[in-house]
Amino acid sequence: MRTTVTLDPDVEQRLRETALRTRRPFKRVLNDALRRALDTVEPVDAGRFEVKSRHMGLRAGLDPAGFNRLADDLEAEAFLENTRKLQEASR
């Protein structure tokens, strides 16, 4: 697979020196170095993710998702009102 990467100058220099010293193509030296580095990466044990709930102070029967719909409706109404005003001003 062909891709473009930006190497820091010191990394490029080390790769080129290794390619010259080992008489291997730059591409092969780069791929081998990446494979070795990735093989040594150990997975991070972040532990169990836990969500801590807290009371939102909403009355029973109120759907928080409804607030997003209400905000969308209000935004759409404001857009239509602004559009109407602009059309009237351009006449």
Protein backbone atom coordinates (compact mmCIF):
# COMPACT_ATOMS: atom_id res chain seq x y z
CA MET A 1 0.00 0.00 0.00
CA ARG A 2 1.30 3.42 -0.89
CA THR A 3 0.90 6.20 1.66
CA THR A 4 2.57 9.46 2.56
CA VAL A 5 4.16 10.03 5.96
CA THR A 6 6.12 12.97 7.27
CA LEU A 7 9.24 11.87 9.10
CA ASP A 8 11.17 14.01 11.51
CA PRO A 9 14.59 14.83 10.03
CA ASP A 10 16.48 12.80 12.66
CA VAL A 11 14.29 9.74 12.02
CA GLU A 12 14.80 9.98 8.29
CA GLN A 13 18.55 10.28 8.81
CA ARG A 14 18.66 7.20 11.04
CA LEU A 15 16.63 5.19 8.53
CA ARG A 16 18.87 6.25 5.63
CA GLU A 17 22.02 5.44 7.60
CA THR A 18 20.62 2.01 8.46
CA ALA A 19 19.68 1.41 4.82
CA LEU A 20 23.21 2.28 3.71
CA ARG A 21 24.88 0.29 6.48
CA THR A 22 22.77 -2.84 5.90
CA ARG A 23 22.56 -2.40 2.11
CA ARG A 24 18.79 -2.75 2.18
CA PRO A 25 16.20 -0.51 0.50
CA PHE A 26 14.92 2.44 2.52
CA LYS A 27 11.35 1.12 2.21
CA ARG A 28 12.32 -2.23 3.72
CA VAL A 29 14.25 -0.61 6.58
CA LEU A 30 11.26 1.60 7.35
CA ASN A 31 8.76 -1.28 7.30
CA ASP A 32 11.02 -3.49 9.45
CA ALA A 33 11.50 -0.69 11.99
CA LEU A 34 7.76 -0.09 12.18
CA ARG A 35 7.04 -3.79 12.60
CA ARG A 36 9.59 -4.09 15.44
CA ALA A 37 8.20 -1.01 17.17
CA LEU A 38 4.59 -2.16 16.84
CA ASP A 39 5.44 -5.64 18.13
CA THR A 40 6.75 -4.13 21.36
CA VAL A 41 3.66 -2.02 22.07
CA GLU A 42 1.74 -3.47 24.98
CA PRO A 43 -2.01 -2.98 25.23
CA VAL A 44 -3.13 -0.49 27.83
CA ASP A 45 -5.36 -1.88 30.54
CA ALA A 46 -7.66 1.05 31.14
CA GLY A 47 -9.74 -0.94 33.55
CA ARG A 48 -13.46 -1.15 33.49
CA PHE A 49 -15.29 1.93 32.28
CA GLU A 50 -18.09 2.92 34.59
CA VAL A 51 -20.65 5.66 34.10
CA LYS A 52 -21.68 7.38 37.27
CA SER A 53 -25.27 8.48 37.07
CA ARG A 54 -26.59 11.58 38.72
CA HIS A 55 -30.01 13.08 39.15
CA MET A 56 -30.78 15.68 36.48
CA GLY A 57 -33.62 17.28 38.37
CA LEU A 58 -36.16 16.58 35.64
CA ARG A 59 -39.77 16.04 36.49
CA ALA A 60 -41.20 12.60 35.79
CA GLY A 61 -42.45 12.26 32.24
CA LEU A 62 -39.99 14.73 30.65
CA ASP A 63 -37.88 13.18 27.92
CA PRO A 64 -34.39 14.77 27.70
CA ALA A 65 -34.21 13.74 24.03
CA GLY A 66 -37.22 15.97 23.46
CA PHE A 67 -35.09 18.96 24.41
CA ASN A 68 -32.91 18.37 21.35
CA ARG A 69 -35.96 18.24 19.13
CA LEU A 70 -37.25 21.45 20.71
CA ALA A 71 -33.88 23.17 20.15
CA ASP A 72 -33.89 22.02 16.51
CA ASP A 73 -37.43 23.33 16.02
CA LEU A 74 -36.56 26.70 17.56
CA GLU A 75 -33.43 26.98 15.40
CA ALA A 76 -35.43 26.16 12.26
CA GLU A 77 -38.08 28.75 13.17
CA ALA A 78 -35.40 31.41 13.75
CA PHE A 79 -33.79 30.58 10.39
CA LEU A 80 -37.11 30.86 8.57
CA GLU A 81 -37.89 34.16 10.30
CA ASN A 82 -34.47 35.59 9.37
CA THR A 83 -34.91 34.41 5.78
CA ARG A 84 -38.34 36.03 5.60
CA LYS A 85 -36.94 39.34 6.93
CA LEU A 86 -34.10 39.29 4.42
CA GLN A 87 -36.51 38.65 1.54
CA GLU A 88 -38.75 41.51 2.64
CA ALA A 89 -35.78 43.86 2.98
CA SER A 90 -34.53 43.02 -0.51
CA ARG A 91 -37.87 43.96 -2.12
